[in-house]
Protein backbone atom coordinates (compact mmCIF):
# COMPACT_ATOMS: atom_id res chain seq x y z
CA UNK A 1 209.67 122.35 119.80
CA UNK A 2 208.17 121.12 115.99
CA UNK A 3 208.74 123.18 112.79
CA UNK A 4 207.65 123.26 109.60
CA UNK A 5 209.70 124.07 106.97
CA UNK A 6 209.03 125.34 103.68
CA UNK A 7 210.58 126.27 100.07
CA UNK A 8 211.37 124.82 96.78
CA UNK A 9 211.85 124.69 92.92
CA UNK A 10 215.51 124.80 93.22
CA UNK A 11 218.42 123.75 95.08
CA UNK A 12 218.66 127.63 95.89
CA UNK A 13 215.70 127.68 98.19
CA UNK A 14 215.49 124.16 99.47
CA UNK A 15 219.03 123.80 100.99
CA UNK A 16 218.88 126.53 103.30
CA UNK A 17 216.05 125.52 104.26
CA UNK A 18 217.82 121.70 105.30
CA UNK A 19 220.53 123.49 106.47
CA UNK A 20 218.16 125.39 108.98
CA UNK A 21 216.34 122.33 109.85
CA UNK A 22 219.58 120.41 110.60
CA UNK A 23 220.69 123.30 112.71
CA UNK A 24 217.68 122.94 114.74
CA UNK A 25 218.02 119.30 115.31
CA UNK A 26 221.40 119.11 115.93
CA UNK A 27 220.78 122.00 118.61
CA UNK A 28 217.67 120.43 120.11
CA UNK A 29 217.62 116.99 119.16
CA UNK A 30 213.87 116.46 120.45
CA UNK A 31 212.53 119.15 117.72
CA UNK A 32 210.01 117.43 115.02
CA UNK A 33 210.56 118.67 111.69
CA UNK A 34 208.90 118.25 108.62
CA UNK A 35 208.58 119.52 105.16
CA UNK A 36 206.07 120.90 102.78
CA UNK A 37 206.96 121.34 98.80
CA UNK A 38 205.83 120.40 95.87
CA UNK A 39 205.66 117.24 93.62
CA UNK A 40 207.80 118.87 90.54
CA UNK A 41 210.25 120.43 92.87
CA UNK A 42 214.09 119.35 94.01
CA UNK A 43 212.60 119.43 97.28
CA UNK A 44 210.79 116.11 96.86
CA UNK A 45 214.27 114.24 96.01
CA UNK A 46 216.34 116.09 98.59
CA UNK A 47 213.92 116.49 101.62
CA UNK A 48 213.06 112.78 101.47
CA UNK A 49 217.42 112.45 101.61
CA UNK A 50 217.67 114.19 104.57
CA UNK A 51 214.98 112.70 106.30
CA UNK A 52 212.35 114.83 106.85
CA UNK A 53 208.62 113.71 106.47
CA UNK A 54 207.06 115.72 103.25
CA UNK A 55 204.07 117.09 102.87
CA UNK A 56 203.24 118.89 99.00
CA UNK A 57 200.66 121.26 98.06
CA UNK A 58 200.24 122.06 94.45
CA UNK A 59 201.08 125.74 93.52
CA UNK A 60 202.98 127.28 90.48
CA UNK A 61 204.05 130.59 89.23
CA UNK A 62 202.88 133.47 87.03
CA UNK A 63 203.93 133.10 83.25
CA UNK A 64 204.71 136.63 81.88
CA UNK A 65 202.87 135.59 78.59
CA UNK A 66 199.31 135.25 77.91
CA UNK A 67 198.70 131.42 78.57
CA UNK A 68 195.48 129.43 79.64
CA UNK A 69 197.99 128.44 82.79
CA UNK A 70 198.08 131.59 85.06
CA UNK A 71 194.26 130.54 85.99
CA UNK A 72 195.16 127.64 87.08
CA UNK A 73 197.97 129.46 89.12
CA UNK A 74 195.10 132.34 90.06
CA UNK A 75 192.69 129.08 90.90
CA UNK A 76 195.75 127.85 92.70
CA UNK A 77 197.10 131.34 94.87
CA UNK A 78 193.47 131.42 96.27
CA UNK A 79 192.83 127.30 97.10
CA UNK A 80 196.73 126.54 97.73
CA UNK A 81 196.33 128.11 101.61
CA UNK A 82 193.18 125.70 102.39
CA UNK A 83 195.17 123.25 101.54
CA UNK A 84 198.42 124.04 103.55
CA UNK A 85 196.16 124.79 106.61
CA UNK A 86 194.74 121.47 106.87
CA UNK A 87 198.37 120.23 107.12
CA UNK A 88 199.51 122.65 109.44
CA UNK A 89 196.36 121.59 111.80
CA UNK A 90 197.65 117.88 111.13
CA UNK A 91 201.32 118.54 112.16
CA UNK A 92 200.71 121.74 115.04
CA UNK A 93 203.85 123.64 114.20
CA UNK A 94 205.13 125.62 117.18
CA UNK A 95 206.87 127.73 113.94
CA UNK A 96 206.84 128.21 110.26
CA UNK A 97 209.72 129.03 108.25
CA UNK A 98 209.76 129.65 104.46
CA UNK A 99 213.18 130.09 102.11
CA UNK A 100 211.38 130.95 99.19
CA UNK A 101 209.74 129.80 95.99
CA UNK A 102 206.05 129.88 95.14
CA UNK A 103 205.55 126.73 97.65
CA UNK A 104 206.20 129.44 100.37
CA UNK A 105 203.31 131.60 99.54
CA UNK A 106 200.75 128.86 100.70
CA UNK A 107 202.22 127.60 103.81
CA UNK A 108 203.56 131.06 105.43
CA UNK A 109 200.08 132.63 104.65
CA UNK A 110 198.13 129.95 106.16
CA UNK A 111 200.04 129.78 109.45
CA UNK A 112 200.08 133.62 109.80
CA UNK A 113 196.35 133.92 109.36
CA UNK A 114 196.60 131.00 111.83
CA UNK A 115 198.54 133.04 114.59
CA UNK A 116 201.36 131.24 114.26
CA UNK A 117 204.74 132.52 114.87
CA UNK A 118 206.58 132.67 111.03
CA UNK A 119 209.86 133.92 109.54
CA UNK A 120 211.44 134.21 105.66
CA UNK A 121 214.56 133.53 104.90
CA UNK A 122 215.81 135.49 101.33
CA UNK A 123 219.46 134.31 99.85
CA UNK A 124 219.54 136.40 96.98
CA UNK A 125 220.29 140.14 96.54
CA UNK A 126 216.71 140.75 94.85
CA UNK A 127 214.08 139.10 96.96
CA UNK A 128 211.28 136.54 94.89
CA UNK A 129 207.82 137.24 94.62
CA UNK A 130 206.81 134.70 97.65
CA UNK A 131 208.85 136.83 99.88
CA UNK A 132 207.62 140.35 98.96
CA UNK A 133 203.85 139.17 98.65
CA UNK A 134 204.22 137.20 102.47
CA UNK A 135 206.64 140.37 103.93
CA UNK A 136 204.23 142.37 106.20
CA UNK A 137 202.17 138.98 107.19
CA UNK A 138 205.38 137.46 109.06
CA UNK A 139 207.34 137.75 112.38
CA UNK A 140 210.91 137.91 110.88
CA UNK A 141 212.81 138.49 107.34
CA UNK A 142 215.84 137.10 107.57
CA UNK A 143 218.71 138.45 104.65
CA UNK A 144 221.74 137.20 103.02
CA UNK A 145 222.57 140.38 101.37
CA UNK A 146 222.45 144.03 103.32
CA UNK A 147 220.76 145.36 99.72
CA UNK A 148 217.96 143.28 99.75
CA UNK A 149 216.19 145.29 102.63
CA UNK A 150 215.94 148.00 100.20
CA UNK A 151 212.90 146.33 98.18
CA UNK A 152 210.92 145.24 101.65
CA UNK A 153 208.55 146.74 103.52
CA UNK A 154 208.71 146.00 107.53
CA UNK A 155 212.54 147.09 108.15
CA UNK A 156 212.09 146.44 111.96
CA UNK A 157 211.53 142.72 111.04
CA UNK A 158 214.96 142.42 108.82
CA UNK A 159 217.69 140.77 109.99
CA UNK A 160 220.57 140.64 107.81
CA UNK A 161 222.16 137.07 108.91
CA UNK A 162 223.69 135.27 105.85
CA UNK A 163 223.43 132.09 104.74
CA UNK A 164 222.68 128.87 106.36
CA UNK A 165 225.22 126.07 105.21
CA UNK A 166 225.29 122.65 104.88
CA UNK A 167 228.95 122.26 105.21
CA UNK A 168 231.43 124.15 106.94
CA UNK A 169 233.42 125.56 103.75
CA UNK A 170 235.71 127.71 105.83
CA UNK A 171 237.73 124.81 107.93
CA UNK A 172 239.67 123.03 105.34
CA UNK A 173 242.80 124.62 104.21
CA UNK A 174 244.02 124.59 100.45
CA UNK A 175 246.90 122.25 101.41
CA UNK A 176 244.68 119.44 103.10
CA UNK A 177 242.40 119.70 100.19
CA UNK A 178 245.15 119.37 97.59
CA UNK A 179 246.55 115.89 100.03
CA UNK A 180 242.91 114.82 100.45
CA UNK A 181 242.36 115.66 96.41
CA UNK A 182 245.71 113.61 95.42
CA UNK A 183 246.69 116.63 93.39
CA UNK A 184 250.58 116.73 92.55
CA UNK A 185 252.56 119.44 94.04
CA UNK A 186 253.77 120.25 90.35
CA UNK A 187 250.85 122.19 90.08
CA UNK A 188 251.22 126.19 90.96
CA UNK A 189 247.68 127.05 90.88
CA UNK A 190 244.24 125.46 90.35
CA UNK A 191 240.80 126.25 88.33
CA UNK A 192 237.54 124.87 89.38
CA UNK A 193 234.87 125.38 87.11
CA UNK A 194 231.41 124.83 87.12
CA UNK A 195 227.87 125.46 86.27
CA UNK A 196 225.56 123.71 88.10
CA UNK A 197 224.13 120.09 88.38
CA UNK A 198 222.49 120.11 85.45
CA UNK A 199 224.92 122.27 83.15
CA UNK A 200 224.57 125.53 81.50
CA UNK A 201 225.90 125.22 77.61
CA UNK A 202 227.27 128.67 76.75
CA UNK A 203 229.51 128.45 80.63
CA UNK A 204 230.72 124.91 79.43
CA UNK A 205 231.16 126.84 75.78
CA UNK A 206 233.38 129.26 76.90
CA UNK A 207 235.17 127.44 79.24
CA UNK A 208 236.54 124.99 77.38
CA UNK A 209 237.69 127.77 74.92
CA UNK A 210 239.82 128.86 77.97
CA UNK A 211 240.82 125.41 78.43
CA UNK A 212 242.04 125.21 74.89
CA UNK A 213 243.56 129.03 75.00
CA UNK A 214 245.31 129.15 78.28
CA UNK A 215 245.40 126.15 80.44
CA UNK A 216 246.62 123.46 77.89
CA UNK A 217 249.62 126.15 77.48
CA UNK A 218 250.05 126.48 80.89
CA UNK A 219 250.96 122.88 82.62
CA UNK A 220 252.11 124.48 86.19
CA UNK A 221 248.16 124.97 86.14
CA UNK A 222 245.39 121.99 86.97
CA UNK A 223 241.54 122.80 85.85
CA UNK A 224 238.83 120.26 86.63
CA UNK A 225 235.51 121.50 85.31
CA UNK A 226 231.75 119.99 85.82
CA UNK A 227 229.47 120.14 82.91
CA UNK A 228 226.37 118.89 84.48
CA UNK A 229 224.41 115.96 83.82
CA UNK A 230 222.26 117.18 80.89
CA UNK A 231 225.71 118.75 79.12
CA UNK A 232 227.52 115.93 79.66
CA UNK A 233 227.98 114.30 76.13
CA UNK A 234 227.43 117.88 73.88
CA UNK A 235 230.70 118.97 76.08
CA UNK A 236 232.26 115.37 76.20
CA UNK A 237 232.23 115.82 72.60
CA UNK A 238 233.75 119.18 72.21
CA UNK A 239 235.93 118.01 74.70
CA UNK A 240 237.74 115.73 72.51
CA UNK A 241 237.48 117.72 69.33
CA UNK A 242 239.26 120.34 70.98
CA UNK A 243 242.57 117.75 72.24
CA UNK A 244 241.63 118.45 75.16
CA UNK A 245 241.71 114.83 76.26
CA UNK A 246 245.14 114.83 75.83
CA UNK A 247 246.31 117.20 78.83
CA UNK A 248 247.09 115.77 82.37
CA UNK A 249 246.57 118.93 83.57
CA UNK A 250 242.73 119.01 82.47
CA UNK A 251 239.91 117.21 83.44
CA UNK A 252 236.22 116.64 82.89
CA UNK A 253 233.91 115.22 85.11
CA UNK A 254 229.59 115.55 85.29
CA UNK A 255 229.16 116.42 88.22
CA UNK A 256 231.25 117.53 91.98
CA UNK A 257 230.74 115.57 94.72
CA UNK A 258 232.93 116.50 97.43
CA UNK A 259 232.86 120.12 96.66
CA UNK A 260 234.75 121.56 100.07
CA UNK A 261 237.29 120.13 99.43
CA UNK A 262 237.63 120.91 95.11
CA UNK A 263 236.80 124.25 96.52
CA UNK A 264 239.54 124.33 98.88
CA UNK A 265 241.87 122.89 96.39
CA UNK A 266 241.47 125.80 94.20
CA UNK A 267 243.32 128.75 93.57
CA UNK A 268 240.26 130.72 90.91
CA UNK A 269 237.02 129.36 90.70
CA UNK A 270 234.51 129.43 87.62
CA UNK A 271 230.79 129.65 88.39
CA UNK A 272 227.70 130.95 88.19
CA UNK A 273 226.60 133.13 91.13
CA UNK A 274 223.15 131.55 92.79
CA UNK A 275 222.72 132.77 96.13
CA UNK A 276 224.65 129.45 97.96
CA UNK A 277 227.08 129.75 95.59
CA UNK A 278 228.38 132.91 96.38
CA UNK A 279 227.90 132.01 100.26
CA UNK A 280 229.91 129.34 99.85
CA UNK A 281 232.57 131.56 98.28
CA UNK A 282 232.58 133.61 100.76
CA UNK A 283 233.01 131.34 103.50
CA UNK A 284 236.02 129.87 101.74
CA UNK A 285 237.49 133.05 100.68
CA UNK A 286 238.02 132.18 96.75
CA UNK A 287 239.11 135.00 94.28
CA UNK A 288 235.76 133.62 91.75
CA UNK A 289 234.54 134.77 88.62
CA UNK A 290 231.21 134.61 88.42
CA UNK A 291 229.15 134.11 85.09
CA UNK A 292 225.31 134.27 85.63
CA UNK A 293 222.47 132.51 84.39
CA UNK A 294 220.30 134.87 82.16
CA UNK A 295 217.74 132.29 82.51
CA UNK A 296 216.59 132.59 85.97
CA UNK A 297 213.70 135.09 87.80
CA UNK A 298 214.79 138.78 87.88
CA UNK A 299 217.88 138.11 86.59
CA UNK A 300 218.82 137.31 90.05
CA UNK A 301 222.38 136.09 89.85
CA UNK A 302 223.54 138.47 87.81
CA UNK A 303 222.02 141.28 90.54
CA UNK A 304 223.88 138.58 93.16
CA UNK A 305 227.59 138.69 91.13
CA UNK A 306 226.77 142.59 91.08
CA UNK A 307 226.97 143.42 94.41
CA UNK A 308 230.37 141.70 94.63
CA UNK A 309 232.03 142.94 91.85
CA UNK A 310 230.71 146.29 92.97
CA UNK A 311 233.21 145.74 95.92
CA UNK A 312 236.04 144.62 93.70
CA UNK A 313 235.10 140.88 95.81
CA UNK A 314 234.90 138.95 92.49
CA UNK A 315 235.02 139.65 88.31
CA UNK A 316 232.06 139.66 86.21
CA UNK A 317 231.24 138.60 82.62
CA UNK A 318 228.00 138.11 81.32
CA UNK A 319 227.19 135.19 78.86
CA UNK A 320 226.62 137.91 76.05
CA UNK A 321 230.12 139.11 76.15
CA UNK A 322 231.90 135.84 75.66
CA UNK A 323 230.13 134.44 73.03
CA UNK A 324 231.41 136.49 69.95
CA UNK A 325 234.77 136.82 71.33
CA UNK A 326 235.74 133.34 71.63
CA UNK A 327 235.86 133.91 74.98
CA UNK A 328 238.76 135.96 74.73
CA UNK A 329 237.87 138.15 77.91
CA UNK A 330 237.43 135.27 80.05
CA UNK A 331 240.85 134.04 79.04
CA UNK A 332 242.51 137.16 79.13
CA UNK A 333 240.96 137.67 82.97
CA UNK A 334 242.33 134.23 84.46
CA UNK A 335 245.97 134.56 82.69
CA UNK A 336 246.25 137.86 84.49
CA UNK A 337 244.82 137.13 87.87
CA UNK A 338 246.72 133.43 87.60
CA UNK A 339 250.40 135.28 86.88
CA UNK A 340 253.06 136.99 89.32
CA UNK A 341 251.58 140.31 88.26
CA UNK A 342 247.73 139.20 89.39
CA UNK A 343 248.97 137.94 92.68
CA UNK A 344 248.24 140.56 94.48
CA UNK A 345 244.79 141.66 93.13
CA UNK A 346 244.16 137.80 93.37
CA UNK A 347 244.70 137.80 97.15
CA UNK A 348 242.91 140.90 97.49
CA UNK A 349 240.06 139.64 96.04
CA UNK A 350 240.20 136.77 98.13
CA UNK A 351 240.25 138.83 101.05
CA UNK A 352 237.54 141.65 99.69
CA UNK A 353 234.73 138.61 99.24
CA UNK A 354 235.40 136.99 103.18
CA UNK A 355 233.44 140.42 104.24
CA UNK A 356 230.26 138.92 102.70
CA UNK A 357 230.17 135.67 104.81
CA UNK A 358 228.58 135.06 108.21
CA UNK A 359 230.50 132.40 110.02
CA UNK A 360 227.85 131.96 112.36
CA UNK A 361 224.67 132.05 109.99
CA UNK A 362 222.94 129.23 110.98
CA UNK A 363 223.65 129.73 115.13
CA UNK A 364 221.86 133.15 114.38
CA UNK A 365 219.17 131.69 112.50
CA UNK A 366 218.20 129.13 115.41
CA UNK A 367 218.58 131.35 118.62
CA UNK A 368 216.44 134.07 116.88
CA UNK A 369 213.25 131.16 115.78
CA UNK A 370 213.75 129.94 119.26
CA UNK A 371 213.05 134.01 120.97
CA UNK A 372 210.27 133.82 118.66
CA UNK A 373 208.12 131.22 119.40
CA UNK A 374 209.09 132.16 123.26
CA UNK A 375 207.53 135.57 122.48
CA UNK A 376 204.46 134.58 121.03
CA UNK A 377 203.82 131.74 123.88
CA UNK A 378 204.12 134.38 126.52
């Protein structure tokens, strides 16, 4: 089977595509898999690192304000499928799979016009522009959230499968992870917090205030926070100014390279609400406090988090609610959850978030993709 993957711009689009590609390769070692992305997207780094050939098309999003850039976007919207067709003719795929981002539009559109079976995967609670535009043209639409289907046509094409993950976050136990990481037994609780690989200034500020007002006063709590690359220097400065570097139970790092272990070891996780993060937390069954990024398309992180919060499967704070109050609501919530009084609630939240996990998402997607190809060949 020859498969052409596409999806780009952010890790939230690329990682599900790579997880699907890896699953295909694991189940069918003879499969030929290639990827189509843009030169500016994170896929330009992640795809070659994963070992897949990478083709490029030029496409960009429409800006909300009046801009000459929008004229170029319109031009590329018309011309990019022509470039995509050349790639498709060269690679000759049996199947094309898109996972969102603007680059999905020309590739999946071209493939559908050429009679090639096509599938989409939408990770977020709210479908992106590309997925909405392509919904009628594809054979299958895979969803992470059940609620997403309400905003899409062609209900008969929809299959809720969860999010394909590249690592198994359900295998490690809390005790195994702590032994592996060398976390001393003297710590009753572990907090893990992070805002993304590049950083998040407002989330970092809120977490440092939490460290100052809560963690520094509770030596039985170990707290690891990842600042992200861009915020490393500024966050480090705040960290020292607050005197947090004097506490052995508080640790600051730039990036977390062993996330499955760190997540397994944690009793409470404070983070953004990207679709992949939500899926990892659900698979691991972790009590989470979401602080979604307000700087994303359609505010989809807030909507992701709201689905879980409404189900009692997570806590939710918006950045605007933490700034003026010196992060007091966040501190109060964490203090409650990591207390004897909050033990039952923390456990209940952990169980409820598991309901959003689909343990066999990768397998379900693979088997359905194979079926799509077989049906088209018949």
